[in-house]
Amino acid sequence: MRIHSRAGFEAEYPFPSKFFDLDGLRYHYIDEGQGETLLCVHGNPTWSFAWRNFIKDLSRDYRVVAVDQIGCGFSDKPQAYEYRLARHIGNLSRFIGGLDLEKITLLAHDWGGAIGMGAAANLPERFSRFVLFNTAAFRSRHLPWRIAVCRWPLLGPLGVRALNLFARVALRMAVCKHERMTPAVRTGFLAPYGSWHDRIAILRFVRDIPMSPEHPSYPALVSIEERLTLFVGRPMLFVWGMRDWCFTPAFLDEFMRRFPQGEALRLAEAGHYVFEDAYEEIVPRLRGFLEAHQLRE
């Protein structure tokens, strides 16, 4: 069993690791606190480390579960694996069933939005509330050039896997408050991605963005989009860094169109890594949202 070093970021991420078996692959997760379940699902190129400030605060009153997708964080990183949207959704769905999680409040960011909403569509009876952070769960024609170049046959593997540029550059381009990227925080974000081998999922996530009907993951995304109607009327909170160049405010507008009952926390001075730029503002609003929409027995 591989031991994952936390050297340099122990205080930032002090949580004991747990693992769920997926056909012999280890699916890493954090499980802290007791009470109603808050399920945190990360995007690319992050991992459960992104939720650490939420886990520290909210686990005082809730059960906070944060997963690492296969290929990400402290989960196994197989090289011959179907890193596709449908597989990630299936993995999360199996994890939810395996732990028998119920009355879930989903917290999801970036790719975690599509994955989390896909799992919710598979298991709608297990989900109660939704908090989505700078994400999408529907088709879009928007693909920033900074991501598009990472899909090119030669530049993609060179930049993403050889030089780790996608993860490294995100620590500057995805945040507005650069002073928060302390050495410990930077180390934490990059720790699971220290080699060509360990960066496979970062590249595969980028390549798996379905921009046309011919893409293998396009049907999965369409299925998620079509089943979003299952959750019209459910409590929804959209937390948005308004300076995000990737999931721009236009994505928030589309969510609000689809979920007119939803609430929005618009953070003018936050970027894509909104959980870094504005967690002090987000946590109180999130607590208020959970208390205002208490779950029935």
Protein backbone atom coordinates (compact mmCIF):
# COMPACT_ATOMS: atom_id res chain seq x y z
CA MET A 1 0.00 0.00 0.00
CA ARG A 2 1.41 3.37 -0.99
CA ILE A 3 1.93 5.80 1.90
CA HIS A 4 1.10 9.36 0.90
CA SER A 5 3.41 11.96 2.41
CA ARG A 6 1.88 15.11 3.85
CA ALA A 7 5.23 16.76 4.43
CA GLY A 8 4.87 20.49 4.22
CA PHE A 9 1.08 20.68 4.54
CA GLU A 10 0.20 18.56 7.59
CA ALA A 11 -1.52 21.43 9.42
CA GLU A 12 -3.56 22.36 6.36
CA TYR A 13 -4.84 18.81 5.84
CA PRO A 14 -4.81 16.94 9.18
CA PHE A 15 -7.58 14.47 8.38
CA PRO A 16 -7.09 10.69 8.52
CA SER A 17 -7.37 8.93 5.18
CA LYS A 18 -9.98 6.31 4.39
CA PHE A 19 -10.31 4.15 1.30
CA PHE A 20 -13.23 2.59 -0.55
CA ASP A 21 -12.55 -0.40 -2.79
CA LEU A 22 -13.52 -0.08 -6.46
CA ASP A 23 -12.69 -3.40 -8.07
CA GLY A 24 -9.26 -3.41 -6.47
CA LEU A 25 -8.62 0.32 -6.86
CA ARG A 26 -8.45 2.49 -3.78
CA TYR A 27 -10.86 5.45 -3.80
CA HIS A 28 -9.59 7.87 -1.17
CA TYR A 29 -11.92 9.93 0.99
CA ILE A 30 -12.12 11.99 4.16
CA ASP A 31 -14.96 11.38 6.62
CA GLU A 32 -15.14 13.88 9.49
CA GLY A 33 -17.84 14.79 12.02
CA GLN A 34 -21.35 13.52 12.64
CA GLY A 35 -24.85 14.47 11.61
CA GLU A 36 -26.32 15.32 8.22
CA THR A 37 -24.03 14.36 5.35
CA LEU A 38 -22.26 16.99 3.28
CA LEU A 39 -20.62 15.31 0.27
CA CYS A 40 -17.77 17.30 -1.30
CA VAL A 41 -16.77 16.53 -4.90
CA HIS A 42 -13.71 18.23 -6.41
CA GLY A 43 -12.81 19.10 -9.98
CA ASN A 44 -9.61 19.26 -12.03
CA PRO A 45 -6.73 19.68 -11.16
CA THR A 46 -7.62 19.71 -7.47
CA TRP A 47 -8.50 17.04 -4.91
CA SER A 48 -10.16 16.83 -1.48
CA PHE A 49 -7.52 19.25 -0.18
CA ALA A 50 -9.59 22.02 -1.79
CA TRP A 51 -12.35 21.46 0.78
CA ARG A 52 -10.09 21.52 3.86
CA ASN A 53 -11.34 24.85 5.27
CA PHE A 54 -14.94 23.72 4.90
CA ILE A 55 -14.18 20.37 6.53
CA LYS A 56 -12.50 22.00 9.53
CA ASP A 57 -15.46 24.29 10.21
CA LEU A 58 -18.51 22.30 9.14
CA SER A 59 -17.45 18.98 10.68
CA ARG A 60 -18.22 20.48 14.09
CA ASP A 61 -21.92 20.14 13.27
CA TYR A 62 -22.17 17.92 10.19
CA ARG A 63 -20.68 14.79 8.71
CA VAL A 64 -18.41 16.01 5.94
CA VAL A 65 -17.28 13.47 3.35
CA ALA A 66 -14.81 14.55 0.66
CA VAL A 67 -13.73 12.17 -2.10
CA ASP A 68 -10.79 12.00 -4.50
CA GLN A 69 -11.65 10.88 -8.03
CA ILE A 70 -9.69 7.90 -9.30
CA GLY A 71 -6.45 9.32 -10.65
CA CYS A 72 -6.62 12.30 -8.30
CA GLY A 73 -5.44 13.16 -4.82
CA PHE A 74 -4.58 10.12 -2.72
CA SER A 75 -6.72 7.73 -4.80
CA ASP A 76 -5.02 5.17 -7.03
CA LYS A 77 -3.79 6.39 -10.40
CA PRO A 78 -4.09 3.51 -12.89
CA GLN A 79 -2.53 4.19 -16.28
CA ALA A 80 -4.83 1.95 -18.32
CA TYR A 81 -8.21 3.22 -17.16
CA GLU A 82 -11.36 4.71 -18.66
CA TYR A 83 -11.09 8.25 -17.37
CA ARG A 84 -14.51 9.25 -18.65
CA LEU A 85 -17.37 11.23 -17.13
CA ALA A 86 -19.64 8.18 -16.94
CA ARG A 87 -17.00 6.19 -15.08
CA HIS A 88 -16.44 8.94 -12.51
CA ILE A 89 -20.21 9.18 -11.98
CA GLY A 90 -20.41 5.42 -11.59
CA ASN A 91 -17.57 5.44 -9.06
CA LEU A 92 -19.23 8.13 -6.96
CA SER A 93 -22.61 6.37 -7.18
CA ARG A 94 -21.05 3.11 -5.95
CA PHE A 95 -19.30 4.95 -3.14
CA ILE A 96 -22.57 6.55 -2.01
CA GLY A 97 -24.30 3.17 -2.02
CA GLY A 98 -21.38 1.45 -0.33
CA LEU A 99 -21.39 3.90 2.57
CA ASP A 100 -25.20 4.05 2.49
CA LEU A 101 -25.17 7.84 2.45
CA GLU A 102 -28.62 9.40 2.64
CA LYS A 103 -30.12 12.90 2.82
CA ILE A 104 -26.98 14.18 1.13
CA THR A 105 -26.15 17.82 0.61
CA LEU A 106 -23.87 17.97 -2.42
CA LEU A 107 -20.99 20.46 -2.49
CA ALA A 108 -19.36 20.36 -5.92
CA HIS A 109 -16.84 22.42 -7.88
CA ASP A 110 -15.63 22.41 -11.49
CA TRP A 111 -15.85 18.85 -12.94
CA GLY A 112 -17.34 17.81 -9.60
CA GLY A 113 -20.57 19.52 -10.63
CA ALA A 114 -21.20 17.22 -13.58
CA ILE A 115 -19.99 14.18 -11.63
CA GLY A 116 -21.99 15.04 -8.53
CA MET A 117 -25.18 15.90 -10.41
CA GLY A 118 -24.76 12.73 -12.46
CA ALA A 119 -24.61 10.67 -9.27
CA ALA A 120 -27.60 12.57 -7.90
CA ALA A 121 -29.55 11.78 -11.06
CA ASN A 122 -28.68 8.11 -10.58
CA LEU A 123 -29.71 8.19 -6.91
CA PRO A 124 -32.19 11.07 -6.55
CA GLU A 125 -33.75 9.64 -3.40
CA ARG A 126 -30.43 10.00 -1.57
CA PHE A 127 -29.92 13.75 -2.27
CA SER A 128 -31.68 16.62 -0.53
CA ARG A 129 -29.79 19.90 -1.08
CA PHE A 130 -27.23 21.23 -3.55
CA VAL A 131 -24.42 23.76 -3.27
CA LEU A 132 -22.56 24.27 -6.53
CA PHE A 133 -19.35 26.27 -6.92
CA ASN A 134 -18.19 27.58 -10.34
CA THR A 135 -19.19 24.53 -12.33
CA ALA A 136 -21.52 23.23 -15.03
CA ALA A 137 -23.78 20.24 -15.52
CA PHE A 138 -24.98 21.01 -19.03
CA ARG A 139 -23.57 21.47 -22.51
CA SER A 140 -21.62 24.60 -23.38
CA ARG A 141 -19.75 25.95 -26.39
CA HIS A 142 -17.35 27.79 -24.10
CA LEU A 143 -13.81 26.38 -23.96
CA PRO A 144 -11.13 28.87 -22.85
CA TRP A 145 -8.00 28.84 -25.01
CA ARG A 146 -5.92 28.18 -21.90
CA ILE A 147 -7.67 24.82 -21.60
CA ALA A 148 -7.98 24.18 -25.32
CA VAL A 149 -4.20 24.20 -25.84
CA CYS A 150 -3.87 21.48 -23.17
CA ARG A 151 -5.90 19.19 -25.44
CA TRP A 152 -3.43 19.42 -28.32
CA PRO A 153 -1.67 16.10 -29.05
CA LEU A 154 1.89 17.23 -28.31
CA LEU A 155 1.51 20.29 -26.10
CA GLY A 156 -1.01 18.56 -23.82
CA PRO A 157 1.21 15.71 -22.60
CA LEU A 158 4.27 17.97 -22.50
CA GLY A 159 2.67 20.77 -20.53
CA VAL A 160 0.24 18.84 -18.34
CA ARG A 161 2.13 15.62 -17.59
CA ALA A 162 5.80 16.44 -18.12
CA LEU A 163 5.88 19.97 -16.67
CA ASN A 164 2.73 19.93 -14.50
CA LEU A 165 1.83 23.33 -15.92
CA PHE A 166 -1.94 22.89 -15.68
CA ALA A 167 -1.86 22.40 -11.90
CA ARG A 168 0.93 24.91 -11.29
CA VAL A 169 -0.50 27.70 -13.38
CA ALA A 170 -3.92 27.22 -11.78
CA LEU A 171 -2.42 28.24 -8.45
CA ARG A 172 -2.01 31.72 -9.95
CA MET A 173 -4.67 32.00 -12.63
CA ALA A 174 -7.53 30.45 -10.64
CA VAL A 175 -7.13 32.66 -7.56
CA CYS A 176 -7.37 36.40 -7.02
CA LYS A 177 -5.85 36.60 -3.55
CA HIS A 178 -2.40 35.30 -4.35
CA GLU A 179 -1.15 35.89 -0.82
CA ARG A 180 -3.25 32.90 0.21
CA MET A 181 -1.10 30.60 -1.87
CA THR A 182 1.38 30.07 0.95
CA PRO A 183 4.11 27.45 0.56
CA ALA A 184 2.01 24.98 2.58
CA VAL A 185 -1.09 25.55 0.44
CA ARG A 186 0.85 25.28 -2.81
CA THR A 187 2.52 22.10 -1.58
CA GLY A 188 -0.84 20.64 -0.62
CA PHE A 189 -2.45 21.26 -3.99
CA LEU A 190 0.51 19.83 -5.91
CA ALA A 191 1.52 16.98 -3.59
CA PRO A 192 -0.44 14.16 -5.29
CA TYR A 193 0.80 15.18 -8.74
CA GLY A 194 4.56 14.87 -8.46
CA SER A 195 5.33 12.81 -11.55
CA TRP A 196 4.31 11.98 -15.12
CA HIS A 197 2.59 8.86 -13.77
CA ASP A 198 0.62 10.78 -11.15
CA ARG A 199 -0.67 13.43 -13.57
CA ILE A 200 -2.54 11.12 -15.88
CA ALA A 201 -6.02 12.11 -14.69
CA ILE A 202 -5.29 15.83 -15.01
CA LEU A 203 -4.68 15.38 -18.73
CA ARG A 204 -7.51 12.90 -19.19
CA PHE A 205 -10.02 15.26 -17.52
CA VAL A 206 -9.00 18.02 -19.91
CA ARG A 207 -9.40 15.71 -22.89
CA ASP A 208 -12.75 14.46 -21.63
CA ILE A 209 -14.52 17.81 -21.99
CA PRO A 210 -17.27 16.95 -24.51
CA MET A 211 -17.52 19.81 -26.99
CA SER A 212 -19.29 17.93 -29.80
CA PRO A 213 -21.75 15.04 -30.22
CA GLU A 214 -18.89 12.88 -31.52
CA HIS A 215 -17.08 12.97 -28.17
CA PRO A 216 -17.39 9.76 -26.10
CA SER A 217 -18.60 11.66 -23.02
CA TYR A 218 -21.18 13.76 -24.86
CA PRO A 219 -24.08 11.33 -24.22
CA ALA A 220 -23.27 11.24 -20.50
CA LEU A 221 -23.35 15.03 -20.29
CA VAL A 222 -26.62 15.19 -22.23
CA SER A 223 -28.12 12.65 -19.82
CA ILE A 224 -27.09 14.76 -16.83
CA GLU A 225 -28.50 17.91 -18.41
CA GLU A 226 -31.82 16.26 -19.23
CA ARG A 227 -32.21 14.93 -15.69
CA LEU A 228 -31.55 18.24 -13.96
CA THR A 229 -35.31 18.73 -13.96
CA LEU A 230 -35.47 16.08 -11.22
CA PHE A 231 -34.20 18.71 -8.79
CA VAL A 232 -36.31 21.72 -9.68
CA GLY A 233 -37.77 22.85 -6.38
CA ARG A 234 -34.97 21.38 -4.25
CA PRO A 235 -32.90 23.77 -2.12
CA MET A 236 -30.05 25.11 -4.27
CA LEU A 237 -27.23 27.52 -3.46
CA PHE A 238 -24.84 28.67 -6.18
CA VAL A 239 -21.53 30.04 -4.94
CA TRP A 240 -19.74 31.93 -7.68
CA GLY A 241 -16.37 33.59 -8.02
CA MET A 242 -17.34 36.28 -10.49
CA ARG A 243 -13.79 36.70 -11.79
CA ASP A 244 -13.59 33.10 -13.03
CA TRP A 245 -12.39 32.99 -16.64
CA CYS A 246 -13.39 29.34 -17.00
CA PHE A 247 -16.86 28.94 -15.47
CA THR A 248 -17.85 32.53 -16.07
CA PRO A 249 -20.94 34.26 -14.63
CA ALA A 250 -22.79 33.10 -17.75
CA PHE A 251 -22.78 29.58 -16.28
CA LEU A 252 -24.35 30.93 -13.10
CA ASP A 253 -27.02 32.65 -15.17
CA GLU A 254 -27.83 29.36 -16.87
CA PHE A 255 -28.14 27.57 -13.53
CA MET A 256 -30.44 30.29 -12.24
CA ARG A 257 -32.57 29.96 -15.36
CA ARG A 258 -32.90 26.24 -14.81
CA PHE A 259 -33.43 26.53 -11.06
CA PRO A 260 -35.43 29.70 -10.38
CA GLN A 261 -35.78 28.66 -6.74
CA GLY A 262 -32.03 28.78 -6.34
CA GLU A 263 -30.07 31.25 -4.25
CA ALA A 264 -26.83 32.82 -5.42
CA LEU A 265 -23.79 34.06 -3.54
CA ARG A 266 -21.90 36.23 -6.01
CA LEU A 267 -18.34 36.98 -4.91
CA ALA A 268 -16.98 39.90 -6.89
CA GLU A 269 -13.35 39.48 -5.83
CA ALA A 270 -13.08 35.70 -6.19
CA GLY A 271 -11.92 33.55 -9.06
CA HIS A 272 -12.26 29.90 -10.07
CA TYR A 273 -10.74 28.66 -6.81
CA VAL A 274 -13.51 30.45 -4.95
CA PHE A 275 -12.95 28.17 -1.96
CA GLU A 276 -9.53 29.82 -1.52
CA ASP A 277 -10.47 33.41 -2.26
CA ALA A 278 -13.60 33.65 -0.15
CA TYR A 279 -14.09 30.78 2.30
CA GLU A 280 -14.66 33.21 5.20
CA GLU A 281 -17.68 34.59 3.36
CA ILE A 282 -18.89 31.27 2.03
CA VAL A 283 -19.00 29.23 5.25
CA PRO A 284 -21.43 31.51 7.15
CA ARG A 285 -23.71 31.74 4.11
CA LEU A 286 -23.54 27.98 3.68
CA ARG A 287 -24.43 27.44 7.33
CA GLY A 288 -27.36 29.81 6.95
CA PHE A 289 -28.54 27.95 3.86
CA LEU A 290 -28.41 24.58 5.66
CA GLU A 291 -30.29 25.94 8.66
CA ALA A 292 -32.93 27.63 6.50
CA HIS A 293 -33.57 24.38 4.61
CA GLN A 294 -33.50 21.87 7.43
CA LEU A 295 -34.15 18.26 6.50
CA ARG A 296 -37.24 16.49 7.67
CA GLU A 297 -37.09 13.19 9.49
